[in-house]
């Protein structure tokens, strides 16, 4: 009997998930934050990115978002001066960073690094619910989401395309057993004035960035994963509907 118990304990220990770098990071937000599931294709008037943080690991990181990626001011109206800096209402500072996230644009630097399991690690915390804040009709709304941590585990800085920040979304295994990209919207995500050249950001060794992915509506559980170039996360389960999968603006497969 003692031998049986010992074997059972060893098996239980072996079945536990290995500790990851993300386990040491606490994402802080008001516990009374009101959150809802974001309805599919309801974000045409929303402003705000899904990027929470870029930097080195800290014990506690506040959940607040960059309101824009690669912000470029709109052309001024007739008789007005060109806007020279990003203006964020003070009341929005609990939800958004003061400044947008600016990538690096250079005519001479057009090549970014190929990302794989040797240079980045992707950790998904699909059971940790956090608020995803968006500005909708001048009002902040919060949606239930979960965090994804991406860390540079290589010994050299990585140049990463900022498109990964603007179009960050998971792959879901569809009814045809294919991995298909799943967005919670059919609207085109485009900047009003695209950069003159492709933009990238530098992720230093041991540096990380944190993204939020909204939970999809629905009760059916399907397999998901995060994929950036050839780097992939673990496979995890989350909810979605066949309608959302079948109503994507574009079918993008792995």
C-alpha atoms as a PDB file:
ATOM      1  CA  UNK A   1       0.000   0.000   0.000  1.00  0.00           C
ATOM      2  CA  UNK A   2       2.864   2.369   0.868  1.00  0.00           C
ATOM      3  CA  UNK A   3       4.490   1.603  -2.487  1.00  0.00           C
ATOM      4  CA  UNK A   4       1.210   2.385  -4.251  1.00  0.00           C
ATOM      5  CA  UNK A   5       0.869   5.727  -2.446  1.00  0.00           C
ATOM      6  CA  UNK A   6       4.462   6.633  -3.292  1.00  0.00           C
ATOM      7  CA  UNK A   7       3.898   5.888  -6.988  1.00  0.00           C
ATOM      8  CA  UNK A   8       0.670   7.954  -6.901  1.00  0.00           C
ATOM      9  CA  UNK A   9       2.456  10.935  -5.351  1.00  0.00           C
ATOM     10  CA  UNK A  10       5.243  10.760  -7.942  1.00  0.00           C
ATOM     11  CA  UNK A  11       2.694  10.632 -10.769  1.00  0.00           C
ATOM     12  CA  UNK A  12       0.825  13.627  -9.354  1.00  0.00           C
ATOM     13  CA  UNK A  13       4.027  15.635  -9.114  1.00  0.00           C
ATOM     14  CA  UNK A  14       4.981  14.670 -12.654  1.00  0.00           C
ATOM     15  CA  UNK A  15       1.585  15.784 -13.988  1.00  0.00           C
ATOM     16  CA  UNK A  16       1.895  19.316 -12.615  1.00  0.00           C
ATOM     17  CA  UNK A  17       2.703  22.080 -15.084  1.00  0.00           C
ATOM     18  CA  UNK A  18       6.297  23.183 -14.977  1.00  0.00           C
ATOM     19  CA  UNK A  19       6.861  26.582 -13.427  1.00  0.00           C
ATOM     20  CA  UNK A  20       7.346  29.340 -15.979  1.00  0.00           C
ATOM     21  CA  UNK A  21       8.772  32.850 -15.827  1.00  0.00           C
ATOM     22  CA  UNK A  22       5.192  34.212 -16.000  1.00  0.00           C
ATOM     23  CA  UNK A  23       4.286  32.567 -12.687  1.00  0.00           C
ATOM     24  CA  UNK A  24       6.384  35.152 -10.843  1.00  0.00           C
ATOM     25  CA  UNK A  25       4.501  38.119 -12.334  1.00  0.00           C
ATOM     26  CA  UNK A  26       1.323  39.475 -10.731  1.00  0.00           C
ATOM     27  CA  UNK A  27      -0.960  41.439 -13.041  1.00  0.00           C
ATOM     28  CA  UNK A  28      -2.634  44.100 -10.935  1.00  0.00           C
ATOM     29  CA  UNK A  29      -6.053  45.667 -11.559  1.00  0.00           C
ATOM     30  CA  UNK A  30      -9.054  46.714  -9.410  1.00  0.00           C
ATOM     31  CA  UNK A  31     -10.817  43.567  -8.257  1.00  0.00           C
ATOM     32  CA  UNK A  32     -14.213  45.255  -8.575  1.00  0.00           C
ATOM     33  CA  UNK A  33     -13.611  45.961 -12.263  1.00  0.00           C
ATOM     34  CA  UNK A  34     -16.797  45.236 -14.197  1.00  0.00           C
ATOM     35  CA  UNK A  35     -16.093  43.015 -17.197  1.00  0.00           C
ATOM     36  CA  UNK A  36     -18.209  41.366 -19.865  1.00  0.00           C
ATOM     37  CA  UNK A  37     -17.639  39.022 -22.792  1.00  0.00           C
ATOM     38  CA  UNK A  38     -17.054  41.077 -25.921  1.00  0.00           C
ATOM     39  CA  UNK A  39     -19.632  40.322 -28.583  1.00  0.00           C
ATOM     40  CA  UNK A  40     -18.294  39.246 -31.946  1.00  0.00           C
ATOM     41  CA  UNK A  41     -17.781  42.086 -34.430  1.00  0.00           C
ATOM     42  CA  UNK A  42     -18.908  44.800 -32.015  1.00  0.00           C
ATOM     43  CA  UNK A  43     -15.691  46.836 -31.958  1.00  0.00           C
ATOM     44  CA  UNK A  44     -16.004  49.154 -34.960  1.00  0.00           C
ATOM     45  CA  UNK A  45     -15.886  52.229 -32.707  1.00  0.00           C
ATOM     46  CA  UNK A  46     -13.299  50.921 -30.232  1.00  0.00           C
ATOM     47  CA  UNK A  47      -9.908  52.511 -29.657  1.00  0.00           C
ATOM     48  CA  UNK A  48      -7.025  50.855 -27.844  1.00  0.00           C
ATOM     49  CA  UNK A  49      -4.487  48.109 -28.446  1.00  0.00           C
ATOM     50  CA  UNK A  50      -4.108  44.770 -26.662  1.00  0.00           C
ATOM     51  CA  UNK A  51      -0.546  45.529 -25.544  1.00  0.00           C
ATOM     52  CA  UNK A  52      -0.205  45.758 -21.762  1.00  0.00           C
ATOM     53  CA  UNK A  53       3.518  45.943 -21.168  1.00  0.00           C
ATOM     54  CA  UNK A  54       6.953  45.795 -22.740  1.00  0.00           C
ATOM     55  CA  UNK A  55      10.017  45.655 -20.515  1.00  0.00           C
ATOM     56  CA  UNK A  56      11.860  43.475 -18.060  1.00  0.00           C
ATOM     57  CA  UNK A  57      10.115  41.205 -15.575  1.00  0.00           C
ATOM     58  CA  UNK A  58       8.725  42.780 -12.410  1.00  0.00           C
ATOM     59  CA  UNK A  59       6.911  41.293  -9.417  1.00  0.00           C
ATOM     60  CA  UNK A  60       3.795  43.354 -10.167  1.00  0.00           C
ATOM     61  CA  UNK A  61       2.645  44.919 -13.426  1.00  0.00           C
ATOM     62  CA  UNK A  62      -0.419  47.114 -13.656  1.00  0.00           C
ATOM     63  CA  UNK A  63      -2.942  46.123 -16.302  1.00  0.00           C
ATOM     64  CA  UNK A  64      -3.195  49.179 -18.548  1.00  0.00           C
ATOM     65  CA  UNK A  65      -2.950  49.431 -22.296  1.00  0.00           C
ATOM     66  CA  UNK A  66      -1.208  51.361 -25.012  1.00  0.00           C
ATOM     67  CA  UNK A  67      -4.002  53.240 -26.707  1.00  0.00           C
ATOM     68  CA  UNK A  68      -2.282  53.156 -30.072  1.00  0.00           C
ATOM     69  CA  UNK A  69       0.521  51.386 -31.949  1.00  0.00           C
ATOM     70  CA  UNK A  70       2.731  53.544 -34.211  1.00  0.00           C
ATOM     71  CA  UNK A  71       0.686  56.690 -33.617  1.00  0.00           C
ATOM     72  CA  UNK A  72       0.827  59.239 -36.428  1.00  0.00           C
ATOM     73  CA  UNK A  73      -1.184  62.471 -36.038  1.00  0.00           C
ATOM     74  CA  UNK A  74      -4.014  63.040 -38.467  1.00  0.00           C
ATOM     75  CA  UNK A  75      -3.604  65.958 -40.893  1.00  0.00           C
ATOM     76  CA  UNK A  76      -4.691  69.214 -39.226  1.00  0.00           C
ATOM     77  CA  UNK A  77      -7.905  70.919 -40.229  1.00  0.00           C
ATOM     78  CA  UNK A  78      -7.686  74.114 -42.231  1.00  0.00           C
ATOM     79  CA  UNK A  79      -6.341  76.879 -40.031  1.00  0.00           C
ATOM     80  CA  UNK A  80      -5.190  74.539 -37.249  1.00  0.00           C
ATOM     81  CA  UNK A  81      -1.662  73.592 -36.207  1.00  0.00           C
ATOM     82  CA  UNK A  82      -0.381  70.034 -36.634  1.00  0.00           C
ATOM     83  CA  UNK A  83      -0.644  67.980 -33.438  1.00  0.00           C
ATOM     84  CA  UNK A  84       2.920  67.456 -32.197  1.00  0.00           C
ATOM     85  CA  UNK A  85       2.286  65.137 -29.237  1.00  0.00           C
ATOM     86  CA  UNK A  86      -0.152  62.469 -28.162  1.00  0.00           C
ATOM     87  CA  UNK A  87      -2.881  63.863 -25.895  1.00  0.00           C
ATOM     88  CA  UNK A  88      -4.551  61.529 -23.421  1.00  0.00           C
ATOM     89  CA  UNK A  89      -7.306  62.677 -21.099  1.00  0.00           C
ATOM     90  CA  UNK A  90      -6.193  62.438 -17.460  1.00  0.00           C
ATOM     91  CA  UNK A  91      -9.281  60.392 -16.570  1.00  0.00           C
ATOM     92  CA  UNK A  92      -8.039  57.604 -18.874  1.00  0.00           C
ATOM     93  CA  UNK A  93      -4.651  57.144 -17.177  1.00  0.00           C
ATOM     94  CA  UNK A  94      -5.854  54.288 -14.915  1.00  0.00           C
ATOM     95  CA  UNK A  95      -6.634  52.309 -18.095  1.00  0.00           C
ATOM     96  CA  UNK A  96      -4.117  53.495 -20.693  1.00  0.00           C
ATOM     97  CA  UNK A  97      -0.462  54.450 -20.841  1.00  0.00           C
ATOM     98  CA  UNK A  98       0.211  58.151 -21.287  1.00  0.00           C
ATOM     99  CA  UNK A  99       2.068  57.652 -24.577  1.00  0.00           C
ATOM    100  CA  UNK A 100       1.368  55.327 -27.539  1.00  0.00           C
ATOM    101  CA  UNK A 101       3.732  52.510 -28.448  1.00  0.00           C
ATOM    102  CA  UNK A 102       6.104  53.708 -31.138  1.00  0.00           C
ATOM    103  CA  UNK A 103       7.960  51.267 -33.339  1.00  0.00           C
ATOM    104  CA  UNK A 104      11.184  51.988 -35.176  1.00  0.00           C
ATOM    105  CA  UNK A 105      10.886  52.845 -38.845  1.00  0.00           C
ATOM    106  CA  UNK A 106      13.942  52.950 -41.074  1.00  0.00           C
ATOM    107  CA  UNK A 107      14.427  52.751 -44.804  1.00  0.00           C
ATOM    108  CA  UNK A 108      17.703  50.928 -44.206  1.00  0.00           C
ATOM    109  CA  UNK A 109      16.371  48.357 -41.726  1.00  0.00           C
ATOM    110  CA  UNK A 110      13.652  46.229 -43.302  1.00  0.00           C
ATOM    111  CA  UNK A 111      14.542  42.781 -42.028  1.00  0.00           C
ATOM    112  CA  UNK A 112      13.195  41.461 -38.751  1.00  0.00           C
ATOM    113  CA  UNK A 113      14.326  38.324 -36.938  1.00  0.00           C
ATOM    114  CA  UNK A 114      12.745  34.936 -37.512  1.00  0.00           C
ATOM    115  CA  UNK A 115      11.083  33.956 -34.256  1.00  0.00           C
ATOM    116  CA  UNK A 116      11.164  30.350 -33.064  1.00  0.00           C
ATOM    117  CA  UNK A 117      11.233  28.262 -29.891  1.00  0.00           C
ATOM    118  CA  UNK A 118      14.964  28.862 -29.606  1.00  0.00           C
ATOM    119  CA  UNK A 119      14.690  32.620 -29.177  1.00  0.00           C
ATOM    120  CA  UNK A 120      11.267  33.333 -27.670  1.00  0.00           C
ATOM    121  CA  UNK A 121       9.046  31.589 -25.147  1.00  0.00           C
ATOM    122  CA  UNK A 122       5.273  32.022 -25.221  1.00  0.00           C
ATOM    123  CA  UNK A 123       3.267  31.445 -22.041  1.00  0.00           C
ATOM    124  CA  UNK A 124      -0.538  31.538 -22.124  1.00  0.00           C
ATOM    125  CA  UNK A 125      -2.512  32.035 -18.906  1.00  0.00           C
ATOM    126  CA  UNK A 126      -5.925  31.143 -20.278  1.00  0.00           C
ATOM    127  CA  UNK A 127      -7.460  30.683 -16.814  1.00  0.00           C
ATOM    128  CA  UNK A 128      -6.379  34.100 -15.511  1.00  0.00           C
ATOM    129  CA  UNK A 129      -9.121  36.605 -16.270  1.00  0.00           C
ATOM    130  CA  UNK A 130      -8.014  40.219 -16.665  1.00  0.00           C
ATOM    131  CA  UNK A 131      -9.810  43.297 -18.051  1.00  0.00           C
ATOM    132  CA  UNK A 132      -9.156  44.385 -21.637  1.00  0.00           C
ATOM    133  CA  UNK A 133      -9.894  48.119 -21.697  1.00  0.00           C
ATOM    134  CA  UNK A 134     -11.182  49.861 -24.813  1.00  0.00           C
ATOM    135  CA  UNK A 135     -12.399  53.390 -25.420  1.00  0.00           C
ATOM    136  CA  UNK A 136     -15.872  53.251 -26.973  1.00  0.00           C
ATOM    137  CA  UNK A 137     -17.852  56.427 -27.633  1.00  0.00           C
ATOM    138  CA  UNK A 138     -15.628  58.310 -25.156  1.00  0.00           C
ATOM    139  CA  UNK A 139     -16.375  55.733 -22.464  1.00  0.00           C
ATOM    140  CA  UNK A 140     -14.053  53.038 -21.115  1.00  0.00           C
ATOM    141  CA  UNK A 141     -15.429  49.505 -21.417  1.00  0.00           C
ATOM    142  CA  UNK A 142     -13.718  46.378 -20.095  1.00  0.00           C
ATOM    143  CA  UNK A 143     -13.902  42.895 -21.573  1.00  0.00           C
ATOM    144  CA  UNK A 144     -12.920  39.557 -20.069  1.00  0.00           C
ATOM    145  CA  UNK A 145      -9.584  38.453 -21.438  1.00  0.00           C
ATOM    146  CA  UNK A 146      -6.501  36.431 -20.568  1.00  0.00           C
ATOM    147  CA  UNK A 147      -2.804  37.340 -20.744  1.00  0.00           C
ATOM    148  CA  UNK A 148      -0.092  36.015 -23.033  1.00  0.00           C
ATOM    149  CA  UNK A 149       3.568  36.504 -22.077  1.00  0.00           C
ATOM    150  CA  UNK A 150       6.290  36.530 -24.757  1.00  0.00           C
ATOM    151  CA  UNK A 151       9.920  36.586 -23.611  1.00  0.00           C
ATOM    152  CA  UNK A 152      13.240  36.826 -25.422  1.00  0.00           C
ATOM    153  CA  UNK A 153      15.155  33.760 -24.201  1.00  0.00           C
ATOM    154  CA  UNK A 154      18.077  34.232 -26.588  1.00  0.00           C
ATOM    155  CA  UNK A 155      21.390  35.965 -25.963  1.00  0.00           C
ATOM    156  CA  UNK A 156      20.834  38.689 -28.548  1.00  0.00           C
ATOM    157  CA  UNK A 157      18.318  41.499 -29.108  1.00  0.00           C
ATOM    158  CA  UNK A 158      15.433  40.585 -31.403  1.00  0.00           C
ATOM    159  CA  UNK A 159      13.880  42.849 -34.017  1.00  0.00           C
ATOM    160  CA  UNK A 160      10.140  42.102 -34.083  1.00  0.00           C
ATOM    161  CA  UNK A 161       7.591  43.481 -36.530  1.00  0.00           C
ATOM    162  CA  UNK A 162       5.040  45.735 -34.801  1.00  0.00           C
ATOM    163  CA  UNK A 163       2.289  44.035 -36.842  1.00  0.00           C
ATOM    164  CA  UNK A 164       2.430  41.269 -34.217  1.00  0.00           C
ATOM    165  CA  UNK A 165       1.172  43.834 -31.690  1.00  0.00           C
ATOM    166  CA  UNK A 166      -1.570  45.255 -33.896  1.00  0.00           C
ATOM    167  CA  UNK A 167      -2.931  41.913 -35.153  1.00  0.00           C
ATOM    168  CA  UNK A 168      -2.324  39.648 -32.157  1.00  0.00           C
ATOM    169  CA  UNK A 169      -4.801  36.752 -32.039  1.00  0.00           C
ATOM    170  CA  UNK A 170      -4.827  32.982 -31.479  1.00  0.00           C
ATOM    171  CA  UNK A 171      -5.209  30.015 -33.804  1.00  0.00           C
ATOM    172  CA  UNK A 172      -8.108  27.638 -33.219  1.00  0.00           C
ATOM    173  CA  UNK A 173      -8.451  24.072 -34.478  1.00  0.00           C
ATOM    174  CA  UNK A 174     -11.537  24.143 -36.697  1.00  0.00           C
ATOM    175  CA  UNK A 175     -13.978  21.373 -37.596  1.00  0.00           C
ATOM    176  CA  UNK A 176     -11.710  20.318 -40.471  1.00  0.00           C
ATOM    177  CA  UNK A 177      -8.877  19.743 -38.011  1.00  0.00           C
ATOM    178  CA  UNK A 178      -6.929  22.735 -39.369  1.00  0.00           C
ATOM    179  CA  UNK A 179      -5.368  25.532 -37.342  1.00  0.00           C
ATOM    180  CA  UNK A 180      -7.183  28.732 -38.308  1.00  0.00           C
ATOM    181  CA  UNK A 181      -6.536  32.275 -37.078  1.00  0.00           C
ATOM    182  CA  UNK A 182      -9.461  33.553 -35.024  1.00  0.00           C
ATOM    183  CA  UNK A 183     -10.245  37.252 -34.650  1.00  0.00           C
ATOM    184  CA  UNK A 184     -13.165  38.582 -32.632  1.00  0.00           C
ATOM    185  CA  UNK A 185     -13.976  41.046 -35.385  1.00  0.00           C
ATOM    186  CA  UNK A 186     -14.559  41.263 -39.123  1.00  0.00           C
ATOM    187  CA  UNK A 187     -13.499  44.892 -39.306  1.00  0.00           C
ATOM    188  CA  UNK A 188     -10.232  45.704 -41.027  1.00  0.00           C
ATOM    189  CA  UNK A 189      -7.550  46.803 -38.578  1.00  0.00           C
ATOM    190  CA  UNK A 190      -5.741  49.555 -40.431  1.00  0.00           C
ATOM    191  CA  UNK A 191      -3.988  52.709 -39.362  1.00  0.00           C
ATOM    192  CA  UNK A 192      -5.325  55.953 -40.799  1.00  0.00           C
ATOM    193  CA  UNK A 193      -1.858  56.839 -42.079  1.00  0.00           C
ATOM    194  CA  UNK A 194       0.390  53.777 -42.478  1.00  0.00           C
ATOM    195  CA  UNK A 195       4.132  54.208 -41.801  1.00  0.00           C
ATOM    196  CA  UNK A 196       6.326  54.949 -44.788  1.00  0.00           C
ATOM    197  CA  UNK A 197       8.416  51.868 -43.995  1.00  0.00           C
ATOM    198  CA  UNK A 198       7.729  48.649 -42.031  1.00  0.00           C
ATOM    199  CA  UNK A 199       8.211  49.217 -38.314  1.00  0.00           C
ATOM    200  CA  UNK A 200       9.747  46.992 -35.688  1.00  0.00           C
ATOM    201  CA  UNK A 201      10.659  47.060 -32.015  1.00  0.00           C
ATOM    202  CA  UNK A 202      13.653  45.705 -30.136  1.00  0.00           C
ATOM    203  CA  UNK A 203      13.181  43.002 -27.515  1.00  0.00           C
ATOM    204  CA  UNK A 204      16.348  42.731 -25.467  1.00  0.00           C
ATOM    205  CA  UNK A 205      17.565  39.427 -23.960  1.00  0.00           C
ATOM    206  CA  UNK A 206      15.318  38.500 -20.998  1.00  0.00           C
ATOM    207  CA  UNK A 207      12.895  41.286 -21.939  1.00  0.00           C
ATOM    208  CA  UNK A 208       9.210  40.449 -22.476  1.00  0.00           C
ATOM    209  CA  UNK A 209       5.938  41.862 -23.685  1.00  0.00           C
ATOM    210  CA  UNK A 210       2.436  41.029 -22.486  1.00  0.00           C
ATOM    211  CA  UNK A 211      -0.691  40.909 -24.640  1.00  0.00           C
ATOM    212  CA  UNK A 212      -4.363  40.366 -23.790  1.00  0.00           C
ATOM    213  CA  UNK A 213      -6.697  38.126 -25.767  1.00  0.00           C
ATOM    214  CA  UNK A 214     -10.455  38.537 -25.256  1.00  0.00           C
ATOM    215  CA  UNK A 215     -12.481  35.456 -24.480  1.00  0.00           C
ATOM    216  CA  UNK A 216     -14.792  34.532 -27.332  1.00  0.00           C
ATOM    217  CA  UNK A 217     -18.508  34.184 -26.788  1.00  0.00           C
ATOM    218  CA  UNK A 218     -19.844  30.621 -26.735  1.00  0.00           C
ATOM    219  CA  UNK A 219     -19.774  27.512 -24.580  1.00  0.00           C
ATOM    220  CA  UNK A 220     -18.133  24.983 -26.878  1.00  0.00           C
ATOM    221  CA  UNK A 221     -14.516  24.296 -25.942  1.00  0.00           C
ATOM    222  CA  UNK A 222     -11.955  24.030 -28.699  1.00  0.00           C
ATOM    223  CA  UNK A 223      -8.191  23.762 -28.893  1.00  0.00           C
ATOM    224  CA  UNK A 224      -6.227  26.999 -29.266  1.00  0.00           C
ATOM    225  CA  UNK A 225      -2.601  28.039 -29.510  1.00  0.00           C
ATOM    226  CA  UNK A 226      -0.544  31.175 -30.033  1.00  0.00           C
ATOM    227  CA  UNK A 227       1.832  31.176 -32.995  1.00  0.00           C
ATOM    228  CA  UNK A 228       4.420  33.824 -33.892  1.00  0.00           C
ATOM    229  CA  UNK A 229       6.477  32.851 -36.934  1.00  0.00           C
ATOM    230  CA  UNK A 230       7.492  29.260 -36.070  1.00  0.00           C
ATOM    231  CA  UNK A 231       7.313  29.765 -32.290  1.00  0.00           C
ATOM    232  CA  UNK A 232       4.205  28.279 -30.666  1.00  0.00           C
ATOM    233  CA  UNK A 233       2.681  28.143 -27.230  1.00  0.00           C
ATOM    234  CA  UNK A 234       1.202  25.133 -25.539  1.00  0.00           C
ATOM    235  CA  UNK A 235      -2.179  23.958 -26.834  1.00  0.00           C
ATOM    236  CA  UNK A 236      -4.964  25.088 -24.526  1.00  0.00           C
ATOM    237  CA  UNK A 237      -8.756  24.974 -24.489  1.00  0.00           C
ATOM    238  CA  UNK A 238     -11.136  27.920 -24.560  1.00  0.00           C
ATOM    239  CA  UNK A 239     -14.647  28.751 -25.730  1.00  0.00           C
ATOM    240  CA  UNK A 240     -15.772  29.877 -29.166  1.00  0.00           C
ATOM    241  CA  UNK A 241     -18.683  29.300 -31.556  1.00  0.00           C
ATOM    242  CA  UNK A 242     -18.689  27.792 -35.032  1.00  0.00           C
ATOM    243  CA  UNK A 243     -20.343  30.985 -36.224  1.00  0.00           C
ATOM    244  CA  UNK A 244     -17.307  33.053 -35.205  1.00  0.00           C
ATOM    245  CA  UNK A 245     -14.911  30.614 -36.881  1.00  0.00           C
ATOM    246  CA  UNK A 246     -16.968  30.503 -40.077  1.00  0.00           C
ATOM    247  CA  UNK A 247     -17.538  34.263 -40.253  1.00  0.00           C
ATOM    248  CA  UNK A 248     -13.939  35.471 -40.305  1.00  0.00           C
ATOM    249  CA  UNK A 249     -13.263  38.234 -42.814  1.00  0.00           C
ATOM    250  CA  UNK A 250     -10.310  36.223 -44.147  1.00  0.00           C
ATOM    251  CA  UNK A 251      -9.481  32.560 -43.665  1.00  0.00           C
ATOM    252  CA  UNK A 252      -5.889  32.443 -42.464  1.00  0.00           C
ATOM    253  CA  UNK A 253      -4.455  28.989 -41.824  1.00  0.00           C
ATOM    254  CA  UNK A 254      -1.227  27.846 -40.236  1.00  0.00           C
END
